[in-house]
Amino acid sequence: MKKRSIKTLIQLVVGVVLLGLMVLYASKVLERKDAYEKYETFFREDNDFDVLFFGSSNIQLMVNPLQLWNECGITSYNFGNTSERLPVTYWTVKNALEYTNPKVVVIEISQYGQAEKYKDMYSVHLAWDRFPLTPTKIKAVYDVLSPEDPRYELLFDIILYHDRWPELTARDFSRTYSKLRGYASSHEYIPYEKPKLEYRIDETAAETEGVMYLEKTVEELQAKGIQVVFVHSPEVNTEDKQARINAATITAEKYNVPLIDFTVMEDSLVDYSTDLSDTDHVNIQGATKLTHYLGEYLMDNYDLKSHAGDGSYADWDADYEEFRAANDGVQVTEAQPEAQ
């Protein structure tokens, strides 16, 4: 009888383990692959990153870590994410720092003064789905999302993706991922004129909840000895929007953080007639210019050393060559109007 009980117990344990593995596998197959493809290289890096970039899609299309590697020999990751608000950025930074210890964190501030905690559930999923379930991720979900929001989708994403069976493709069974370290590029342009804006500051923007999260981000990074830089990408802004972003100077001065604003910079570096893919984002030509500028700025102002020639970074060389081969000679073309 005793032997039979032990055998039953073993069968039960094995069954539970097998069920758990099946659920885990199903979860990996059913989940959307956007977050995995964008962030997997971050989790596979053995060395600490020198620089991390955070913010909205403005910086995602603006900074190319592989170019920074080729030109400066520094390693970086671009966490720029579509429509990301500053409270989401705060928690993304906290999650990322559990896996790496950078010397510099660059925060893009086009969302400065926005009142909402997050734009939509898609952007939050893209920001956090790839992070493992940890106490920090749980705190992030319960802080940013309200009780009325579908919090459990972010903690156990199979709840959201369980019915994706009919739309599965070969991509869902593949574990391929981007080697671009978070960067995304556009090869189209829309011609604009650089706006001539009267400089003013909307001081009410500095009083929003999102700015409170930005200040917490800066305080916690500086407490860890991590340097912080604010950047704002070139945009075709209204005076009201730019006045809101100009208020970031209040936070920058409060914490002695440099602010590089390419929109109001006298020499904005980019050509508005050829280097923007829309009013908010640069294309690959604009990104090449801005990445070069930021690389020189970071190397000149912070204690960053080149890892060029170090064999433990060989995959960076290989991935840069792959990027260069795919993009050299590719023409940037004018975007075609959308069909009505």
C-alpha atoms as a PDB file:
ATOM      1  CA  MET A   1       0.000   0.000   0.000  1.00  0.00           C
ATOM      2  CA  LYS A   2       2.827   2.313   0.917  1.00  0.00           C
ATOM      3  CA  LYS A   3       4.649   1.600  -2.364  1.00  0.00           C
ATOM      4  CA  ARG A   4       1.440   2.287  -4.282  1.00  0.00           C
ATOM      5  CA  SER A   5       1.056   5.660  -2.528  1.00  0.00           C
ATOM      6  CA  ILE A   6       4.627   6.632  -3.367  1.00  0.00           C
ATOM      7  CA  LYS A   7       4.102   5.619  -6.992  1.00  0.00           C
ATOM      8  CA  THR A   8       0.877   7.652  -7.166  1.00  0.00           C
ATOM      9  CA  LEU A   9       2.633  10.655  -5.661  1.00  0.00           C
ATOM     10  CA  ILE A  10       5.477  10.392  -8.176  1.00  0.00           C
ATOM     11  CA  GLN A  11       2.978  10.145 -11.049  1.00  0.00           C
ATOM     12  CA  LEU A  12       1.153  13.205  -9.723  1.00  0.00           C
ATOM     13  CA  VAL A  13       4.354  15.236  -9.440  1.00  0.00           C
ATOM     14  CA  VAL A  14       5.484  14.202 -12.931  1.00  0.00           C
ATOM     15  CA  GLY A  15       2.043  15.073 -14.294  1.00  0.00           C
ATOM     16  CA  VAL A  16       2.102  18.504 -12.706  1.00  0.00           C
ATOM     17  CA  VAL A  17       5.616  19.180 -14.022  1.00  0.00           C
ATOM     18  CA  LEU A  18       4.646  18.062 -17.537  1.00  0.00           C
ATOM     19  CA  LEU A  19       1.511  20.199 -17.424  1.00  0.00           C
ATOM     20  CA  GLY A  20       3.586  23.188 -16.302  1.00  0.00           C
ATOM     21  CA  LEU A  21       6.047  22.652 -19.149  1.00  0.00           C
ATOM     22  CA  MET A  22       3.202  22.378 -21.660  1.00  0.00           C
ATOM     23  CA  VAL A  23       1.637  25.599 -20.408  1.00  0.00           C
ATOM     24  CA  LEU A  24       5.033  27.340 -20.535  1.00  0.00           C
ATOM     25  CA  TYR A  25       5.620  26.148 -24.089  1.00  0.00           C
ATOM     26  CA  ALA A  26       2.126  27.169 -25.164  1.00  0.00           C
ATOM     27  CA  SER A  27       2.657  30.569 -23.579  1.00  0.00           C
ATOM     28  CA  LYS A  28       5.870  31.104 -25.555  1.00  0.00           C
ATOM     29  CA  VAL A  29       4.205  30.042 -28.809  1.00  0.00           C
ATOM     30  CA  LEU A  30       1.051  32.103 -28.302  1.00  0.00           C
ATOM     31  CA  GLU A  31       2.627  35.351 -27.094  1.00  0.00           C
ATOM     32  CA  ARG A  32       3.092  38.187 -29.553  1.00  0.00           C
ATOM     33  CA  LYS A  33       6.701  38.149 -30.691  1.00  0.00           C
ATOM     34  CA  ASP A  34       7.268  41.936 -30.808  1.00  0.00           C
ATOM     35  CA  ALA A  35       8.779  42.212 -27.320  1.00  0.00           C
ATOM     36  CA  TYR A  36      10.868  39.040 -27.656  1.00  0.00           C
ATOM     37  CA  GLU A  37      12.315  40.110 -31.004  1.00  0.00           C
ATOM     38  CA  LYS A  38      13.109  43.634 -29.799  1.00  0.00           C
ATOM     39  CA  TYR A  39      14.630  42.873 -26.392  1.00  0.00           C
ATOM     40  CA  GLU A  40      16.085  39.360 -26.582  1.00  0.00           C
ATOM     41  CA  THR A  41      19.578  40.622 -27.404  1.00  0.00           C
ATOM     42  CA  PHE A  42      19.544  42.611 -24.171  1.00  0.00           C
ATOM     43  CA  PHE A  43      19.056  39.490 -22.070  1.00  0.00           C
ATOM     44  CA  ARG A  44      21.694  37.524 -24.017  1.00  0.00           C
ATOM     45  CA  GLU A  45      24.457  40.075 -23.422  1.00  0.00           C
ATOM     46  CA  ASP A  46      27.105  38.759 -21.031  1.00  0.00           C
ATOM     47  CA  ASN A  47      28.792  42.119 -20.376  1.00  0.00           C
ATOM     48  CA  ASP A  48      27.320  45.227 -18.770  1.00  0.00           C
ATOM     49  CA  PHE A  49      26.068  47.843 -21.204  1.00  0.00           C
ATOM     50  CA  ASP A  50      27.858  51.192 -21.134  1.00  0.00           C
ATOM     51  CA  VAL A  51      24.786  53.246 -22.049  1.00  0.00           C
ATOM     52  CA  LEU A  52      21.041  52.638 -22.041  1.00  0.00           C
ATOM     53  CA  PHE A  53      18.509  54.751 -23.967  1.00  0.00           C
ATOM     54  CA  PHE A  54      14.902  55.104 -22.800  1.00  0.00           C
ATOM     55  CA  GLY A  55      11.823  56.930 -24.021  1.00  0.00           C
ATOM     56  CA  SER A  56       9.257  56.877 -26.779  1.00  0.00           C
ATOM     57  CA  SER A  57       9.580  55.763 -30.384  1.00  0.00           C
ATOM     58  CA  ASN A  58      11.330  59.099 -31.073  1.00  0.00           C
ATOM     59  CA  ILE A  59      14.533  57.695 -29.617  1.00  0.00           C
ATOM     60  CA  GLN A  60      13.898  54.198 -30.940  1.00  0.00           C
ATOM     61  CA  LEU A  61      14.334  55.571 -34.475  1.00  0.00           C
ATOM     62  CA  MET A  62      16.996  58.094 -33.472  1.00  0.00           C
ATOM     63  CA  VAL A  63      19.853  56.089 -31.894  1.00  0.00           C
ATOM     64  CA  ASN A  64      21.576  53.107 -33.505  1.00  0.00           C
ATOM     65  CA  PRO A  65      23.624  51.125 -30.935  1.00  0.00           C
ATOM     66  CA  LEU A  66      25.497  49.225 -33.642  1.00  0.00           C
ATOM     67  CA  GLN A  67      26.716  52.508 -35.138  1.00  0.00           C
ATOM     68  CA  LEU A  68      27.813  53.639 -31.671  1.00  0.00           C
ATOM     69  CA  TRP A  69      29.737  50.390 -31.365  1.00  0.00           C
ATOM     70  CA  ASN A  70      31.459  50.803 -34.719  1.00  0.00           C
ATOM     71  CA  GLU A  71      32.381  54.450 -34.194  1.00  0.00           C
ATOM     72  CA  CYS A  72      33.098  54.519 -30.444  1.00  0.00           C
ATOM     73  CA  GLY A  73      33.490  50.919 -29.274  1.00  0.00           C
ATOM     74  CA  ILE A  74      30.818  51.362 -26.585  1.00  0.00           C
ATOM     75  CA  THR A  75      27.885  49.047 -25.970  1.00  0.00           C
ATOM     76  CA  SER A  76      24.345  50.352 -25.612  1.00  0.00           C
ATOM     77  CA  TYR A  77      20.723  49.299 -25.802  1.00  0.00           C
ATOM     78  CA  ASN A  78      17.767  51.276 -27.121  1.00  0.00           C
ATOM     79  CA  PHE A  79      14.616  50.743 -25.030  1.00  0.00           C
ATOM     80  CA  GLY A  80      12.654  53.339 -26.999  1.00  0.00           C
ATOM     81  CA  ASN A  81       9.061  52.185 -27.224  1.00  0.00           C
ATOM     82  CA  THR A  82       5.996  53.356 -29.091  1.00  0.00           C
ATOM     83  CA  SER A  83       3.959  56.044 -27.289  1.00  0.00           C
ATOM     84  CA  GLU A  84       5.785  55.426 -24.013  1.00  0.00           C
ATOM     85  CA  ARG A  85       4.919  57.761 -21.150  1.00  0.00           C
ATOM     86  CA  LEU A  86       7.341  58.694 -18.352  1.00  0.00           C
ATOM     87  CA  PRO A  87       5.805  56.468 -15.621  1.00  0.00           C
ATOM     88  CA  VAL A  88       6.335  53.433 -17.889  1.00  0.00           C
ATOM     89  CA  THR A  89       9.885  54.615 -18.560  1.00  0.00           C
ATOM     90  CA  TYR A  90      10.545  54.835 -14.804  1.00  0.00           C
ATOM     91  CA  TRP A  91       9.620  51.184 -14.295  1.00  0.00           C
ATOM     92  CA  THR A  92      11.359  50.043 -17.476  1.00  0.00           C
ATOM     93  CA  VAL A  93      14.561  51.579 -16.134  1.00  0.00           C
ATOM     94  CA  LYS A  94      14.116  49.810 -12.782  1.00  0.00           C
ATOM     95  CA  ASN A  95      13.503  46.480 -14.511  1.00  0.00           C
ATOM     96  CA  ALA A  96      16.487  46.897 -16.850  1.00  0.00           C
ATOM     97  CA  LEU A  97      18.887  47.753 -14.028  1.00  0.00           C
ATOM     98  CA  GLU A  98      18.263  44.351 -12.486  1.00  0.00           C
ATOM     99  CA  TYR A  99      20.182  42.858 -15.444  1.00  0.00           C
ATOM    100  CA  THR A 100      22.930  45.383 -16.201  1.00  0.00           C
ATOM    101  CA  ASN A 101      24.890  48.241 -14.652  1.00  0.00           C
ATOM    102  CA  PRO A 102      25.381  51.077 -17.177  1.00  0.00           C
ATOM    103  CA  LYS A 103      27.533  54.153 -16.702  1.00  0.00           C
ATOM    104  CA  VAL A 104      25.085  56.487 -18.469  1.00  0.00           C
ATOM    105  CA  VAL A 105      21.328  56.505 -19.009  1.00  0.00           C
ATOM    106  CA  VAL A 106      19.881  58.738 -21.733  1.00  0.00           C
ATOM    107  CA  ILE A 107      16.190  59.646 -21.382  1.00  0.00           C
ATOM    108  CA  GLU A 108      14.203  61.080 -24.268  1.00  0.00           C
ATOM    109  CA  ILE A 109      11.745  63.749 -23.054  1.00  0.00           C
ATOM    110  CA  SER A 110       9.236  64.309 -25.868  1.00  0.00           C
ATOM    111  CA  GLN A 111       6.546  63.048 -23.457  1.00  0.00           C
ATOM    112  CA  TYR A 112       7.453  65.639 -20.798  1.00  0.00           C
ATOM    113  CA  GLY A 113       4.287  67.155 -19.332  1.00  0.00           C
ATOM    114  CA  GLN A 114       1.943  64.377 -20.457  1.00  0.00           C
ATOM    115  CA  ALA A 115      -0.637  63.730 -17.749  1.00  0.00           C
ATOM    116  CA  GLU A 116      -1.494  60.077 -18.409  1.00  0.00           C
ATOM    117  CA  LYS A 117       0.493  57.166 -16.967  1.00  0.00           C
ATOM    118  CA  TYR A 118       0.422  55.156 -20.173  1.00  0.00           C
ATOM    119  CA  LYS A 119      -0.881  55.587 -23.701  1.00  0.00           C
ATOM    120  CA  ASP A 120      -2.397  52.168 -24.385  1.00  0.00           C
ATOM    121  CA  MET A 121      -2.033  48.532 -23.400  1.00  0.00           C
ATOM    122  CA  TYR A 122      -0.064  47.635 -26.529  1.00  0.00           C
ATOM    123  CA  SER A 123       2.761  50.015 -25.617  1.00  0.00           C
ATOM    124  CA  VAL A 124       2.904  48.659 -22.042  1.00  0.00           C
ATOM    125  CA  HIS A 125       2.979  45.066 -23.303  1.00  0.00           C
ATOM    126  CA  LEU A 126       5.793  45.914 -25.696  1.00  0.00           C
ATOM    127  CA  ALA A 127       7.741  47.559 -22.884  1.00  0.00           C
ATOM    128  CA  TRP A 128       7.366  44.816 -20.276  1.00  0.00           C
ATOM    129  CA  ASP A 129       6.325  41.474 -21.812  1.00  0.00           C
ATOM    130  CA  ARG A 130       9.919  40.288 -22.239  1.00  0.00           C
ATOM    131  CA  PHE A 131      10.887  41.022 -18.641  1.00  0.00           C
ATOM    132  CA  PRO A 132      10.560  37.937 -16.412  1.00  0.00           C
ATOM    133  CA  LEU A 133       7.978  37.955 -13.651  1.00  0.00           C
ATOM    134  CA  THR A 134       9.799  39.519 -10.697  1.00  0.00           C
ATOM    135  CA  PRO A 135       8.749  41.615  -7.685  1.00  0.00           C
ATOM    136  CA  THR A 136       9.830  44.726  -9.633  1.00  0.00           C
ATOM    137  CA  LYS A 137       7.636  43.852 -12.605  1.00  0.00           C
ATOM    138  CA  ILE A 138       4.683  43.151 -10.309  1.00  0.00           C
ATOM    139  CA  LYS A 139       5.154  46.525  -8.592  1.00  0.00           C
ATOM    140  CA  ALA A 140       5.330  48.210 -11.999  1.00  0.00           C
ATOM    141  CA  VAL A 141       2.049  46.686 -13.138  1.00  0.00           C
ATOM    142  CA  TYR A 142       0.205  47.577  -9.950  1.00  0.00           C
ATOM    143  CA  ASP A 143       1.611  51.106  -9.904  1.00  0.00           C
ATOM    144  CA  VAL A 144       1.004  52.144 -13.515  1.00  0.00           C
ATOM    145  CA  LEU A 145      -2.258  50.303 -14.175  1.00  0.00           C
ATOM    146  CA  SER A 146      -5.428  51.016 -12.217  1.00  0.00           C
ATOM    147  CA  PRO A 147      -7.617  48.277 -10.658  1.00  0.00           C
ATOM    148  CA  GLU A 148      -9.962  48.623 -13.644  1.00  0.00           C
ATOM    149  CA  ASP A 149      -7.153  47.785 -16.073  1.00  0.00           C
ATOM    150  CA  PRO A 150      -6.317  44.200 -17.122  1.00  0.00           C
ATOM    151  CA  ARG A 151      -3.261  43.878 -14.883  1.00  0.00           C
ATOM    152  CA  TYR A 152      -3.130  40.083 -15.022  1.00  0.00           C
ATOM    153  CA  GLU A 153      -2.540  40.224 -18.782  1.00  0.00           C
ATOM    154  CA  LEU A 154       0.872  41.738 -18.062  1.00  0.00           C
ATOM    155  CA  LEU A 155       1.722  39.314 -15.273  1.00  0.00           C
ATOM    156  CA  PHE A 156       0.521  36.185 -17.100  1.00  0.00           C
ATOM    157  CA  ASP A 157       0.300  37.095 -20.764  1.00  0.00           C
ATOM    158  CA  ILE A 158      -1.188  33.732 -21.756  1.00  0.00           C
ATOM    159  CA  ILE A 159      -4.461  35.212 -20.435  1.00  0.00           C
ATOM    160  CA  LEU A 160      -4.296  37.728 -23.282  1.00  0.00           C
ATOM    161  CA  TYR A 161      -2.804  35.510 -25.977  1.00  0.00           C
ATOM    162  CA  HIS A 162      -4.510  32.166 -25.259  1.00  0.00           C
ATOM    163  CA  ASP A 163      -6.886  32.484 -28.227  1.00  0.00           C
ATOM    164  CA  ARG A 164      -4.232  33.297 -30.856  1.00  0.00           C
ATOM    165  CA  TRP A 165      -4.186  29.703 -32.176  1.00  0.00           C
ATOM    166  CA  PRO A 166      -6.032  30.532 -35.435  1.00  0.00           C
ATOM    167  CA  GLU A 167      -3.575  33.302 -36.364  1.00  0.00           C
ATOM    168  CA  LEU A 168      -0.305  31.489 -35.596  1.00  0.00           C
ATOM    169  CA  THR A 169       2.330  31.506 -38.337  1.00  0.00           C
ATOM    170  CA  ALA A 170       5.812  30.023 -38.727  1.00  0.00           C
ATOM    171  CA  ARG A 171       7.129  33.165 -36.996  1.00  0.00           C
ATOM    172  CA  ASP A 172       5.434  32.078 -33.761  1.00  0.00           C
ATOM    173  CA  PHE A 173       7.414  28.838 -33.648  1.00  0.00           C
ATOM    174  CA  SER A 174      10.709  30.521 -34.481  1.00  0.00           C
ATOM    175  CA  ARG A 175      13.009  32.016 -31.843  1.00  0.00           C
ATOM    176  CA  THR A 176      14.694  34.508 -34.163  1.00  0.00           C
ATOM    177  CA  TYR A 177      15.212  38.008 -32.844  1.00  0.00           C
ATOM    178  CA  SER A 178      16.559  41.369 -33.942  1.00  0.00           C
ATOM    179  CA  LYS A 179      20.286  42.050 -33.556  1.00  0.00           C
ATOM    180  CA  LEU A 180      19.771  45.844 -33.676  1.00  0.00           C
ATOM    181  CA  ARG A 181      19.782  46.309 -29.863  1.00  0.00           C
ATOM    182  CA  GLY A 182      16.352  47.938 -29.886  1.00  0.00           C
ATOM    183  CA  TYR A 183      16.889  50.300 -32.816  1.00  0.00           C
ATOM    184  CA  ALA A 184      14.286  50.574 -35.589  1.00  0.00           C
ATOM    185  CA  SER A 185      14.890  52.346 -38.888  1.00  0.00           C
ATOM    186  CA  SER A 186      12.890  53.975 -41.652  1.00  0.00           C
ATOM    187  CA  HIS A 187      14.095  54.385 -45.242  1.00  0.00           C
ATOM    188  CA  GLU A 188      11.428  56.915 -46.206  1.00  0.00           C
ATOM    189  CA  TYR A 189      11.314  60.680 -45.912  1.00  0.00           C
ATOM    190  CA  ILE A 190       8.683  63.374 -45.926  1.00  0.00           C
ATOM    191  CA  PRO A 191       9.968  66.873 -46.702  1.00  0.00           C
ATOM    192  CA  TYR A 192       9.317  69.490 -44.014  1.00  0.00           C
ATOM    193  CA  GLU A 193      10.510  72.967 -43.170  1.00  0.00           C
ATOM    194  CA  LYS A 194      12.121  73.415 -39.785  1.00  0.00           C
ATOM    195  CA  PRO A 195       9.559  75.279 -37.672  1.00  0.00           C
ATOM    196  CA  LYS A 196      10.445  78.751 -36.404  1.00  0.00           C
ATOM    197  CA  LEU A 197       9.108  78.761 -32.863  1.00  0.00           C
ATOM    198  CA  GLU A 198       9.010  81.505 -30.295  1.00  0.00           C
ATOM    199  CA  TYR A 199      10.790  80.162 -27.229  1.00  0.00           C
ATOM    200  CA  ARG A 200       8.591  79.959 -24.162  1.00  0.00           C
ATOM    201  CA  ILE A 201       8.155  77.553 -21.268  1.00  0.00           C
ATOM    202  CA  ASP A 202       4.878  76.006 -20.161  1.00  0.00           C
ATOM    203  CA  GLU A 203       5.691  75.801 -16.461  1.00  0.00           C
ATOM    204  CA  THR A 204       2.516  73.831 -15.704  1.00  0.00           C
ATOM    205  CA  ALA A 205       4.061  70.883 -17.577  1.00  0.00           C
ATOM    206  CA  ALA A 206       6.632  70.502 -14.800  1.00  0.00           C
ATOM    207  CA  GLU A 207       3.839  69.894 -12.280  1.00  0.00           C
ATOM    208  CA  THR A 208       2.372  66.788 -13.944  1.00  0.00           C
ATOM    209  CA  GLU A 209       2.499  63.282 -12.479  1.00  0.00           C
ATOM    210  CA  GLY A 210       4.687  62.073 -15.332  1.00  0.00           C
ATOM    211  CA  VAL A 211       7.385  64.568 -14.370  1.00  0.00           C
ATOM    212  CA  MET A 212       7.225  63.262 -10.799  1.00  0.00           C
ATOM    213  CA  TYR A 213       8.193  59.851 -12.226  1.00  0.00           C
ATOM    214  CA  LEU A 214      10.965  61.411 -14.297  1.00  0.00           C
ATOM    215  CA  GLU A 215      12.368  63.056 -11.163  1.00  0.00           C
ATOM    216  CA  LYS A 216      12.216  59.736  -9.299  1.00  0.00           C
ATOM    217  CA  THR A 217      14.077  58.134 -12.189  1.00  0.00           C
ATOM    218  CA  VAL A 218      16.844  60.720 -12.069  1.00  0.00           C
ATOM    219  CA  GLU A 219      17.127  60.585  -8.269  1.00  0.00           C
ATOM    220  CA  GLU A 220      17.438  56.809  -8.201  1.00  0.00           C
ATOM    221  CA  LEU A 221      19.952  56.715 -11.060  1.00  0.00           C
ATOM    222  CA  GLN A 222      22.121  59.409  -9.514  1.00  0.00           C
ATOM    223  CA  ALA A 223      21.984  57.599  -6.163  1.00  0.00           C
ATOM    224  CA  LYS A 224      23.501  54.580  -7.947  1.00  0.00           C
ATOM    225  CA  GLY A 225      26.245  56.735  -9.469  1.00  0.00           C
ATOM    226  CA  ILE A 226      24.754  56.489 -12.977  1.00  0.00           C
ATOM    227  CA  GLN A 227      25.015  59.642 -15.099  1.00  0.00           C
ATOM    228  CA  VAL A 228      21.821  60.944 -16.732  1.00  0.00           C
ATOM    229  CA  VAL A 229      21.331  62.847 -19.986  1.00  0.00           C
ATOM    230  CA  PHE A 230      18.061  64.252 -21.392  1.00  0.00           C
ATOM    231  CA  VAL A 231      17.546  64.424 -25.165  1.00  0.00           C
ATOM    232  CA  HIS A 232      14.754  65.615 -27.420  1.00  0.00           C
ATOM    233  CA  SER A 233      14.696  64.491 -31.025  1.00  0.00           C
ATOM    234  CA  PRO A 234      14.087  66.822 -33.987  1.00  0.00           C
ATOM    235  CA  GLU A 235      10.342  67.300 -34.427  1.00  0.00           C
ATOM    236  CA  VAL A 236       7.921  69.450 -36.380  1.00  0.00           C
ATOM    237  CA  ASN A 237       6.191  70.839 -33.299  1.00  0.00           C
ATOM    238  CA  THR A 238       3.571  73.418 -32.548  1.00  0.00           C
ATOM    239  CA  GLU A 239       4.597  76.210 -30.193  1.00  0.00           C
ATOM    240  CA  ASP A 240       2.347  74.780 -27.479  1.00  0.00           C
ATOM    241  CA  LYS A 241       3.924  71.330 -27.674  1.00  0.00           C
ATOM    242  CA  GLN A 242       7.446  72.722 -27.739  1.00  0.00           C
ATOM    243  CA  ALA A 243       6.643  74.991 -24.784  1.00  0.00           C
ATOM    244  CA  ARG A 244       5.662  71.876 -22.815  1.00  0.00           C
ATOM    245  CA  ILE A 245       8.916  70.150 -23.749  1.00  0.00           C
ATOM    246  CA  ASN A 246      10.932  73.289 -23.003  1.00  0.00           C
ATOM    247  CA  ALA A 247       9.758  72.932 -19.404  1.00  0.00           C
ATOM    248  CA  ALA A 248      12.111  69.946 -19.133  1.00  0.00           C
ATOM    249  CA  THR A 249      14.809  72.554 -18.528  1.00  0.00           C
ATOM    250  CA  ILE A 250      13.247  73.006 -15.067  1.00  0.00           C
ATOM    251  CA  THR A 251      13.929  69.374 -14.182  1.00  0.00           C
ATOM    252  CA  ALA A 252      17.303  69.390 -15.924  1.00  0.00           C
ATOM    253  CA  GLU A 253      18.501  72.377 -13.908  1.00  0.00           C
ATOM    254  CA  LYS A 254      17.069  70.966 -10.669  1.00  0.00           C
ATOM    255  CA  TYR A 255      19.195  67.823 -10.972  1.00  0.00           C
ATOM    256  CA  ASN A 256      22.115  69.259 -12.951  1.00  0.00           C
ATOM    257  CA  VAL A 257      21.309  67.041 -15.928  1.00  0.00           C
ATOM    258  CA  PRO A 258      22.354  68.117 -19.452  1.00  0.00           C
ATOM    259  CA  LEU A 259      19.514  68.548 -21.940  1.00  0.00           C
ATOM    260  CA  ILE A 260      20.222  68.214 -25.668  1.00  0.00           C
ATOM    261  CA  ASP A 261      17.226  69.466 -27.642  1.00  0.00           C
ATOM    262  CA  PHE A 262      17.728  68.919 -31.361  1.00  0.00           C
ATOM    263  CA  THR A 263      14.456  70.704 -32.172  1.00  0.00           C
ATOM    264  CA  VAL A 264      15.520  74.090 -30.799  1.00  0.00           C
ATOM    265  CA  MET A 265      19.269  73.645 -31.409  1.00  0.00           C
ATOM    266  CA  GLU A 266      20.426  76.324 -33.816  1.00  0.00           C
ATOM    267  CA  ASP A 267      22.184  73.698 -35.887  1.00  0.00           C
ATOM    268  CA  SER A 268      19.748  70.794 -35.479  1.00  0.00           C
ATOM    269  CA  LEU A 269      22.139  68.537 -37.494  1.00  0.00           C
ATOM    270  CA  VAL A 270      19.371  66.987 -39.560  1.00  0.00           C
ATOM    271  CA  ASP A 271      17.967  68.262 -42.831  1.00  0.00           C
ATOM    272  CA  TYR A 272      14.215  68.629 -42.302  1.00  0.00           C
ATOM    273  CA  SER A 273      13.630  68.246 -46.031  1.00  0.00           C
ATOM    274  CA  THR A 274      15.177  64.744 -46.241  1.00  0.00           C
ATOM    275  CA  ASP A 275      15.888  63.289 -42.774  1.00  0.00           C
ATOM    276  CA  LEU A 276      12.441  62.908 -41.180  1.00  0.00           C
ATOM    277  CA  SER A 277      10.047  60.028 -41.818  1.00  0.00           C
ATOM    278  CA  ASP A 278       7.156  61.956 -40.229  1.00  0.00           C
ATOM    279  CA  THR A 279       6.699  64.923 -37.902  1.00  0.00           C
ATOM    280  CA  ASP A 280       8.064  63.051 -34.848  1.00  0.00           C
ATOM    281  CA  HIS A 281      10.681  60.609 -36.154  1.00  0.00           C
ATOM    282  CA  VAL A 282      13.921  60.709 -38.104  1.00  0.00           C
ATOM    283  CA  ASN A 283      14.717  58.196 -40.813  1.00  0.00           C
ATOM    284  CA  ILE A 284      17.976  56.262 -41.109  1.00  0.00           C
ATOM    285  CA  GLN A 285      19.790  59.294 -42.543  1.00  0.00           C
ATOM    286  CA  GLY A 286      18.756  61.451 -39.608  1.00  0.00           C
ATOM    287  CA  ALA A 287      19.553  58.678 -37.128  1.00  0.00           C
ATOM    288  CA  THR A 288      23.076  58.307 -38.550  1.00  0.00           C
ATOM    289  CA  LYS A 289      23.775  62.006 -37.958  1.00  0.00           C
ATOM    290  CA  LEU A 290      22.241  62.104 -34.478  1.00  0.00           C
ATOM    291  CA  THR A 291      23.866  58.852 -33.347  1.00  0.00           C
ATOM    292  CA  HIS A 292      27.257  60.186 -34.448  1.00  0.00           C
ATOM    293  CA  TYR A 293      26.699  63.409 -32.496  1.00  0.00           C
ATOM    294  CA  LEU A 294      25.595  61.585 -29.348  1.00  0.00           C
ATOM    295  CA  GLY A 295      28.501  59.156 -29.589  1.00  0.00           C
ATOM    296  CA  GLU A 296      31.004  62.011 -29.643  1.00  0.00           C
ATOM    297  CA  TYR A 297      29.158  63.784 -26.823  1.00  0.00           C
ATOM    298  CA  LEU A 298      29.126  60.705 -24.599  1.00  0.00           C
ATOM    299  CA  MET A 299      32.770  59.867 -25.214  1.00  0.00           C
ATOM    300  CA  ASP A 300      33.843  63.479 -24.550  1.00  0.00           C
ATOM    301  CA  ASN A 301      31.854  63.935 -21.342  1.00  0.00           C
ATOM    302  CA  TYR A 302      31.729  60.578 -19.558  1.00  0.00           C
ATOM    303  CA  ASP A 303      34.149  57.885 -18.457  1.00  0.00           C
ATOM    304  CA  LEU A 304      33.454  55.521 -21.330  1.00  0.00           C
ATOM    305  CA  LYS A 305      36.151  53.261 -22.741  1.00  0.00           C
ATOM    306  CA  SER A 306      36.226  51.582 -26.126  1.00  0.00           C
ATOM    307  CA  HIS A 307      35.902  47.793 -26.144  1.00  0.00           C
ATOM    308  CA  ALA A 308      37.119  47.556 -29.733  1.00  0.00           C
ATOM    309  CA  GLY A 309      39.344  44.532 -30.208  1.00  0.00           C
ATOM    310  CA  ASP A 310      38.069  42.778 -27.080  1.00  0.00           C
ATOM    311  CA  GLY A 311      37.186  39.225 -28.081  1.00  0.00           C
ATOM    312  CA  SER A 312      34.296  39.034 -25.627  1.00  0.00           C
ATOM    313  CA  TYR A 313      32.445  41.568 -27.820  1.00  0.00           C
ATOM    314  CA  ALA A 314      32.940  39.704 -31.110  1.00  0.00           C
ATOM    315  CA  ASP A 315      29.187  39.406 -31.670  1.00  0.00           C
ATOM    316  CA  TRP A 316      28.973  43.225 -31.807  1.00  0.00           C
ATOM    317  CA  ASP A 317      31.411  43.276 -34.707  1.00  0.00           C
ATOM    318  CA  ALA A 318      29.499  40.540 -36.529  1.00  0.00           C
ATOM    319  CA  ASP A 319      26.110  42.195 -35.986  1.00  0.00           C
ATOM    320  CA  TYR A 320      27.400  45.579 -37.138  1.00  0.00           C
ATOM    321  CA  GLU A 321      28.750  44.027 -40.339  1.00  0.00           C
ATOM    322  CA  GLU A 322      25.397  42.363 -40.924  1.00  0.00           C
ATOM    323  CA  PHE A 323      23.621  45.698 -40.422  1.00  0.00           C
ATOM    324  CA  ARG A 324      26.059  47.514 -42.707  1.00  0.00           C
ATOM    325  CA  ALA A 325      25.696  44.933 -45.475  1.00  0.00           C
ATOM    326  CA  ALA A 326      21.902  45.179 -45.312  1.00  0.00           C
ATOM    327  CA  ASN A 327      21.801  48.995 -45.380  1.00  0.00           C
ATOM    328  CA  ASP A 328      24.765  50.251 -47.379  1.00  0.00           C
ATOM    329  CA  GLY A 329      23.564  51.676 -50.670  1.00  0.00           C
ATOM    330  CA  VAL A 330      19.881  51.515 -49.752  1.00  0.00           C
ATOM    331  CA  GLN A 331      18.223  54.709 -50.957  1.00  0.00           C
ATOM    332  CA  VAL A 332      15.919  56.780 -48.780  1.00  0.00           C
ATOM    333  CA  THR A 333      12.782  57.410 -50.802  1.00  0.00           C
ATOM    334  CA  GLU A 334       9.987  59.923 -50.413  1.00  0.00           C
ATOM    335  CA  ALA A 335       6.973  58.447 -48.669  1.00  0.00           C
ATOM    336  CA  GLN A 336       3.955  57.947 -50.889  1.00  0.00           C
ATOM    337  CA  PRO A 337       0.661  59.511 -49.786  1.00  0.00           C
ATOM    338  CA  GLU A 338      -1.712  57.009 -48.223  1.00  0.00           C
ATOM    339  CA  ALA A 339      -4.606  55.921 -50.424  1.00  0.00           C
ATOM    340  CA  GLN A 340      -7.888  57.575 -49.502  1.00  0.00           C
END
